[in-house]
Amino acid sequence: MSHGYAAKKAKATDGLRKEGVHALAPENRKILDATDEAIVLALSGNARMSLKELARHVGLSSPSVSERLRRLEERDVIRGYTLELNPKALGYQFQAIVRIRPLPGQLKAVQELIAGTPEFCECDKVTGEDCFVARLHLQSLEQLDGILDRIAARAETNTSIVKAQTIPRRLPPFAAR
């Protein structure tokens, strides 16, 4: 790697950090080299970035970046290129976090109920007193009552209304394998 290339890569990565995209912790860089890291960070800020623009951003040719992307996809580092919607623009004014504890013998039925309710946008199966922690998008608080009423016969719930999302979804630090 030439000195000019390293300086260009450092400048590109610094710009991403200023935009709120976190670089990988030094102890976790074993999975990705500096170029792969720059590619992932750039795409996390703009998944629609053209191959030509991405190549210019990381200081490589388009075919080289294309090959690196193919390898990142094959290694399951990159699973897809996604889109982020604003739920409020679609009429969903509220979000709720619901902790769900199925009644004995109701785990599978509750899981199916959650999966079949489109307002649940995320759900994690967790350890501890609850079995599920789920996020809902709601157009009204009355809508929440209807959803929880459907679950009440099969599970206990504890609900919190989200006032603000203080940390938006972001990349995790990449751990060494």
C-alpha atoms as a PDB file:
ATOM      1  CA  MET A   1       0.000   0.000   0.000  1.00  0.00           C
ATOM      2  CA  SER A   2       1.442   3.360  -0.992  1.00  0.00           C
ATOM      3  CA  HIS A   3       1.592   6.286   1.406  1.00  0.00           C
ATOM      4  CA  GLY A   4      -0.877   8.286  -0.732  1.00  0.00           C
ATOM      5  CA  TYR A   5      -3.382   5.443  -0.665  1.00  0.00           C
ATOM      6  CA  ALA A   6      -3.146   5.139   3.148  1.00  0.00           C
ATOM      7  CA  ALA A   7      -3.673   8.875   3.577  1.00  0.00           C
ATOM      8  CA  LYS A   8      -6.687   8.795   1.238  1.00  0.00           C
ATOM      9  CA  LYS A   9      -8.176   5.839   3.167  1.00  0.00           C
ATOM     10  CA  ALA A  10      -7.616   7.566   6.542  1.00  0.00           C
ATOM     11  CA  LYS A  11      -9.285  10.721   5.215  1.00  0.00           C
ATOM     12  CA  ALA A  12     -12.289   8.726   3.939  1.00  0.00           C
ATOM     13  CA  THR A  13     -12.690   6.850   7.226  1.00  0.00           C
ATOM     14  CA  ASP A  14     -12.340  10.060   9.285  1.00  0.00           C
ATOM     15  CA  GLY A  15     -15.121  11.665   7.253  1.00  0.00           C
ATOM     16  CA  LEU A  16     -17.407   8.742   8.013  1.00  0.00           C
ATOM     17  CA  ARG A  17     -16.657   8.958  11.735  1.00  0.00           C
ATOM     18  CA  LYS A  18     -17.652  12.627  11.709  1.00  0.00           C
ATOM     19  CA  GLU A  19     -20.982  11.623  10.114  1.00  0.00           C
ATOM     20  CA  GLY A  20     -21.722   9.367  13.080  1.00  0.00           C
ATOM     21  CA  VAL A  21     -20.563   6.089  11.539  1.00  0.00           C
ATOM     22  CA  HIS A  22     -18.286   4.311  13.973  1.00  0.00           C
ATOM     23  CA  ALA A  23     -15.052   2.731  12.841  1.00  0.00           C
ATOM     24  CA  LEU A  24     -14.201  -0.752  13.992  1.00  0.00           C
ATOM     25  CA  ALA A  25     -12.402  -1.067  17.306  1.00  0.00           C
ATOM     26  CA  PRO A  26      -8.694  -1.892  16.723  1.00  0.00           C
ATOM     27  CA  GLU A  27      -9.002  -5.264  18.487  1.00  0.00           C
ATOM     28  CA  ASN A  28     -11.853  -6.259  16.141  1.00  0.00           C
ATOM     29  CA  ARG A  29     -10.270  -5.494  12.787  1.00  0.00           C
ATOM     30  CA  LYS A  30      -9.109  -9.048  12.123  1.00  0.00           C
ATOM     31  CA  ILE A  31     -12.234  -9.901  10.123  1.00  0.00           C
ATOM     32  CA  LEU A  32     -11.891  -6.987   7.717  1.00  0.00           C
ATOM     33  CA  ASP A  33      -8.808  -5.309   6.361  1.00  0.00           C
ATOM     34  CA  ALA A  34      -8.716  -1.511   6.115  1.00  0.00           C
ATOM     35  CA  THR A  35     -10.142  -1.496   2.583  1.00  0.00           C
ATOM     36  CA  ASP A  36     -13.028  -3.810   3.448  1.00  0.00           C
ATOM     37  CA  GLU A  37     -13.714  -1.668   6.513  1.00  0.00           C
ATOM     38  CA  ALA A  38     -13.820   1.483   4.359  1.00  0.00           C
ATOM     39  CA  ILE A  39     -16.225  -0.235   1.940  1.00  0.00           C
ATOM     40  CA  VAL A  40     -18.565  -1.392   4.724  1.00  0.00           C
ATOM     41  CA  LEU A  41     -18.509   2.010   6.432  1.00  0.00           C
ATOM     42  CA  ALA A  42     -19.215   3.824   3.160  1.00  0.00           C
ATOM     43  CA  LEU A  43     -22.127   1.535   2.303  1.00  0.00           C
ATOM     44  CA  SER A  44     -23.550   1.817   5.822  1.00  0.00           C
ATOM     45  CA  GLY A  45     -23.837   5.554   5.230  1.00  0.00           C
ATOM     46  CA  ASN A  46     -25.284   5.169   1.720  1.00  0.00           C
ATOM     47  CA  ALA A  47     -26.265   1.681   0.543  1.00  0.00           C
ATOM     48  CA  ARG A  48     -27.217   3.146  -2.862  1.00  0.00           C
ATOM     49  CA  MET A  49     -23.692   4.397  -3.571  1.00  0.00           C
ATOM     50  CA  SER A  50     -22.693   3.461  -7.109  1.00  0.00           C
ATOM     51  CA  LEU A  51     -19.807   1.077  -7.654  1.00  0.00           C
ATOM     52  CA  LYS A  52     -17.883   3.858  -9.385  1.00  0.00           C
ATOM     53  CA  GLU A  53     -18.445   6.252  -6.475  1.00  0.00           C
ATOM     54  CA  LEU A  54     -17.547   3.563  -3.931  1.00  0.00           C
ATOM     55  CA  ALA A  55     -14.350   2.745  -5.846  1.00  0.00           C
ATOM     56  CA  ARG A  56     -13.380   6.416  -5.908  1.00  0.00           C
ATOM     57  CA  HIS A  57     -14.197   6.696  -2.195  1.00  0.00           C
ATOM     58  CA  VAL A  58     -11.873   3.820  -1.178  1.00  0.00           C
ATOM     59  CA  GLY A  59      -9.191   4.477  -3.799  1.00  0.00           C
ATOM     60  CA  LEU A  60      -9.549   1.296  -5.868  1.00  0.00           C
ATOM     61  CA  SER A  61     -10.776   0.406  -9.337  1.00  0.00           C
ATOM     62  CA  SER A  62     -14.410  -0.568  -9.837  1.00  0.00           C
ATOM     63  CA  PRO A  63     -13.503  -4.210 -10.663  1.00  0.00           C
ATOM     64  CA  SER A  64     -11.434  -4.466  -7.456  1.00  0.00           C
ATOM     65  CA  VAL A  65     -14.283  -3.085  -5.350  1.00  0.00           C
ATOM     66  CA  SER A  66     -16.744  -5.374  -7.110  1.00  0.00           C
ATOM     67  CA  GLU A  67     -14.566  -8.388  -6.247  1.00  0.00           C
ATOM     68  CA  ARG A  68     -14.254  -7.282  -2.621  1.00  0.00           C
ATOM     69  CA  LEU A  69     -18.036  -6.840  -2.386  1.00  0.00           C
ATOM     70  CA  ARG A  70     -18.550 -10.320  -3.832  1.00  0.00           C
ATOM     71  CA  ARG A  71     -16.195 -11.781  -1.191  1.00  0.00           C
ATOM     72  CA  LEU A  72     -17.882  -9.816   1.622  1.00  0.00           C
ATOM     73  CA  GLU A  73     -21.242 -11.175   0.444  1.00  0.00           C
ATOM     74  CA  GLU A  74     -19.897 -14.749   0.164  1.00  0.00           C
ATOM     75  CA  ARG A  75     -18.509 -14.515   3.719  1.00  0.00           C
ATOM     76  CA  ASP A  76     -21.952 -13.283   4.867  1.00  0.00           C
ATOM     77  CA  VAL A  77     -20.448 -10.030   6.148  1.00  0.00           C
ATOM     78  CA  ILE A  78     -22.806  -8.153   3.830  1.00  0.00           C
ATOM     79  CA  ARG A  79     -26.247  -9.781   3.753  1.00  0.00           C
ATOM     80  CA  GLY A  80     -28.082  -7.206   1.711  1.00  0.00           C
ATOM     81  CA  TYR A  81     -28.530  -3.586   0.782  1.00  0.00           C
ATOM     82  CA  THR A  82     -31.498  -2.065   2.466  1.00  0.00           C
ATOM     83  CA  LEU A  83     -33.851   0.831   2.646  1.00  0.00           C
ATOM     84  CA  GLU A  84     -34.882   2.819   5.702  1.00  0.00           C
ATOM     85  CA  LEU A  85     -38.426   4.122   5.958  1.00  0.00           C
ATOM     86  CA  ASN A  86     -39.755   6.884   8.182  1.00  0.00           C
ATOM     87  CA  PRO A  87     -42.752   5.301   9.962  1.00  0.00           C
ATOM     88  CA  LYS A  88     -44.174   8.751  10.828  1.00  0.00           C
ATOM     89  CA  ALA A  89     -44.365   9.596   7.123  1.00  0.00           C
ATOM     90  CA  LEU A  90     -46.567   6.499   6.748  1.00  0.00           C
ATOM     91  CA  GLY A  91     -48.899   7.579   9.557  1.00  0.00           C
ATOM     92  CA  TYR A  92     -47.319   5.623  12.426  1.00  0.00           C
ATOM     93  CA  GLN A  93     -47.046   8.277  15.133  1.00  0.00           C
ATOM     94  CA  PHE A  94     -46.090   5.956  18.006  1.00  0.00           C
ATOM     95  CA  GLN A  95     -43.666   3.165  18.743  1.00  0.00           C
ATOM     96  CA  ALA A  96     -43.973   0.764  21.640  1.00  0.00           C
ATOM     97  CA  ILE A  97     -41.622  -1.780  23.129  1.00  0.00           C
ATOM     98  CA  VAL A  98     -43.491  -4.798  24.473  1.00  0.00           C
ATOM     99  CA  ARG A  99     -42.000  -7.436  26.735  1.00  0.00           C
ATOM    100  CA  ILE A 100     -44.005 -10.632  26.329  1.00  0.00           C
ATOM    101  CA  ARG A 101     -44.139 -13.612  28.681  1.00  0.00           C
ATOM    102  CA  PRO A 102     -46.239 -16.463  27.228  1.00  0.00           C
ATOM    103  CA  LEU A 103     -48.435 -18.445  29.606  1.00  0.00           C
ATOM    104  CA  PRO A 104     -47.451 -22.115  30.085  1.00  0.00           C
ATOM    105  CA  GLY A 105     -47.817 -24.084  26.864  1.00  0.00           C
ATOM    106  CA  GLN A 106     -48.447 -20.951  24.767  1.00  0.00           C
ATOM    107  CA  LEU A 107     -44.919 -20.159  23.482  1.00  0.00           C
ATOM    108  CA  LYS A 108     -45.450 -21.339  19.897  1.00  0.00           C
ATOM    109  CA  ALA A 109     -48.935 -19.773  19.654  1.00  0.00           C
ATOM    110  CA  VAL A 110     -47.629 -16.430  20.948  1.00  0.00           C
ATOM    111  CA  GLN A 111     -44.696 -16.500  18.543  1.00  0.00           C
ATOM    112  CA  GLU A 112     -47.090 -17.149  15.636  1.00  0.00           C
ATOM    113  CA  LEU A 113     -49.392 -14.367  16.844  1.00  0.00           C
ATOM    114  CA  ILE A 114     -46.504 -11.901  16.924  1.00  0.00           C
ATOM    115  CA  ALA A 115     -45.306 -12.999  13.476  1.00  0.00           C
ATOM    116  CA  GLY A 116     -48.833 -12.612  12.092  1.00  0.00           C
ATOM    117  CA  THR A 117     -49.320  -9.076  13.430  1.00  0.00           C
ATOM    118  CA  PRO A 118     -47.868  -6.621  10.889  1.00  0.00           C
ATOM    119  CA  GLU A 119     -47.506  -3.795  13.416  1.00  0.00           C
ATOM    120  CA  PHE A 120     -44.702  -5.792  15.083  1.00  0.00           C
ATOM    121  CA  CYS A 121     -41.666  -4.631  13.121  1.00  0.00           C
ATOM    122  CA  GLU A 122     -39.040  -6.407  15.257  1.00  0.00           C
ATOM    123  CA  CYS A 123     -39.056  -9.181  17.807  1.00  0.00           C
ATOM    124  CA  ASP A 124     -36.261 -10.873  19.699  1.00  0.00           C
ATOM    125  CA  LYS A 125     -36.497 -14.100  21.663  1.00  0.00           C
ATOM    126  CA  VAL A 126     -34.649 -13.382  24.913  1.00  0.00           C
ATOM    127  CA  THR A 127     -33.531 -14.973  28.152  1.00  0.00           C
ATOM    128  CA  GLY A 128     -34.817 -13.865  31.546  1.00  0.00           C
ATOM    129  CA  GLU A 129     -38.352 -13.485  32.819  1.00  0.00           C
ATOM    130  CA  ASP A 130     -39.786 -12.574  29.418  1.00  0.00           C
ATOM    131  CA  CYS A 131     -39.509 -14.681  26.280  1.00  0.00           C
ATOM    132  CA  PHE A 132     -39.886 -11.920  23.683  1.00  0.00           C
ATOM    133  CA  VAL A 133     -39.046  -8.242  23.376  1.00  0.00           C
ATOM    134  CA  ALA A 134     -40.860  -6.685  20.425  1.00  0.00           C
ATOM    135  CA  ARG A 135     -41.190  -3.267  18.782  1.00  0.00           C
ATOM    136  CA  LEU A 136     -44.476  -2.074  17.328  1.00  0.00           C
ATOM    137  CA  HIS A 137     -45.320   0.836  15.044  1.00  0.00           C
ATOM    138  CA  LEU A 138     -48.724   2.313  15.842  1.00  0.00           C
ATOM    139  CA  GLN A 139     -51.006   4.889  14.268  1.00  0.00           C
ATOM    140  CA  SER A 140     -52.788   5.469  17.591  1.00  0.00           C
ATOM    141  CA  LEU A 141     -52.654   4.366  21.199  1.00  0.00           C
ATOM    142  CA  GLU A 142     -56.076   2.760  20.725  1.00  0.00           C
ATOM    143  CA  GLN A 143     -54.498   0.484  18.147  1.00  0.00           C
ATOM    144  CA  LEU A 144     -52.102  -0.737  20.860  1.00  0.00           C
ATOM    145  CA  ASP A 145     -55.034  -1.843  23.023  1.00  0.00           C
ATOM    146  CA  GLY A 146     -56.427  -3.996  20.214  1.00  0.00           C
ATOM    147  CA  ILE A 147     -53.100  -5.696  19.606  1.00  0.00           C
ATOM    148  CA  LEU A 148     -52.439  -6.340  23.283  1.00  0.00           C
ATOM    149  CA  ASP A 149     -55.981  -7.672  23.760  1.00  0.00           C
ATOM    150  CA  ARG A 150     -55.272 -10.362  21.147  1.00  0.00           C
ATOM    151  CA  ILE A 151     -52.150 -11.424  23.062  1.00  0.00           C
ATOM    152  CA  ALA A 152     -53.626 -11.185  26.582  1.00  0.00           C
ATOM    153  CA  ALA A 153     -55.320 -14.609  26.473  1.00  0.00           C
ATOM    154  CA  ARG A 154     -51.962 -16.275  25.770  1.00  0.00           C
ATOM    155  CA  ALA A 155     -49.326 -14.081  27.458  1.00  0.00           C
ATOM    156  CA  GLU A 156     -48.551 -11.402  29.994  1.00  0.00           C
ATOM    157  CA  THR A 157     -47.197  -8.158  28.560  1.00  0.00           C
ATOM    158  CA  ASN A 158     -45.357  -5.094  29.789  1.00  0.00           C
ATOM    159  CA  THR A 159     -45.428  -2.126  27.412  1.00  0.00           C
ATOM    160  CA  SER A 160     -43.412   1.074  27.144  1.00  0.00           C
ATOM    161  CA  ILE A 161     -44.131   3.885  24.679  1.00  0.00           C
ATOM    162  CA  VAL A 162     -40.988   5.133  22.943  1.00  0.00           C
ATOM    163  CA  LYS A 163     -40.507   8.875  23.526  1.00  0.00           C
ATOM    164  CA  ALA A 164     -37.342   9.193  21.426  1.00  0.00           C
ATOM    165  CA  GLN A 165     -34.796   6.928  19.833  1.00  0.00           C
ATOM    166  CA  THR A 166     -31.552   8.235  21.319  1.00  0.00           C
ATOM    167  CA  ILE A 167     -29.306   5.820  19.412  1.00  0.00           C
ATOM    168  CA  PRO A 168     -30.505   4.936  15.926  1.00  0.00           C
ATOM    169  CA  ARG A 169     -29.695   1.491  14.555  1.00  0.00           C
ATOM    170  CA  ARG A 170     -25.987   1.315  13.809  1.00  0.00           C
ATOM    171  CA  LEU A 171     -23.311  -1.164  12.899  1.00  0.00           C
ATOM    172  CA  PRO A 172     -21.997  -3.384  15.673  1.00  0.00           C
ATOM    173  CA  PRO A 173     -18.276  -3.545  16.322  1.00  0.00           C
ATOM    174  CA  PHE A 174     -17.021  -6.499  14.313  1.00  0.00           C
ATOM    175  CA  ALA A 175     -15.624  -9.204  16.583  1.00  0.00           C
ATOM    176  CA  ALA A 176     -12.703 -11.405  15.572  1.00  0.00           C
ATOM    177  CA  ARG A 177     -13.716 -14.927  14.557  1.00  0.00           C
END
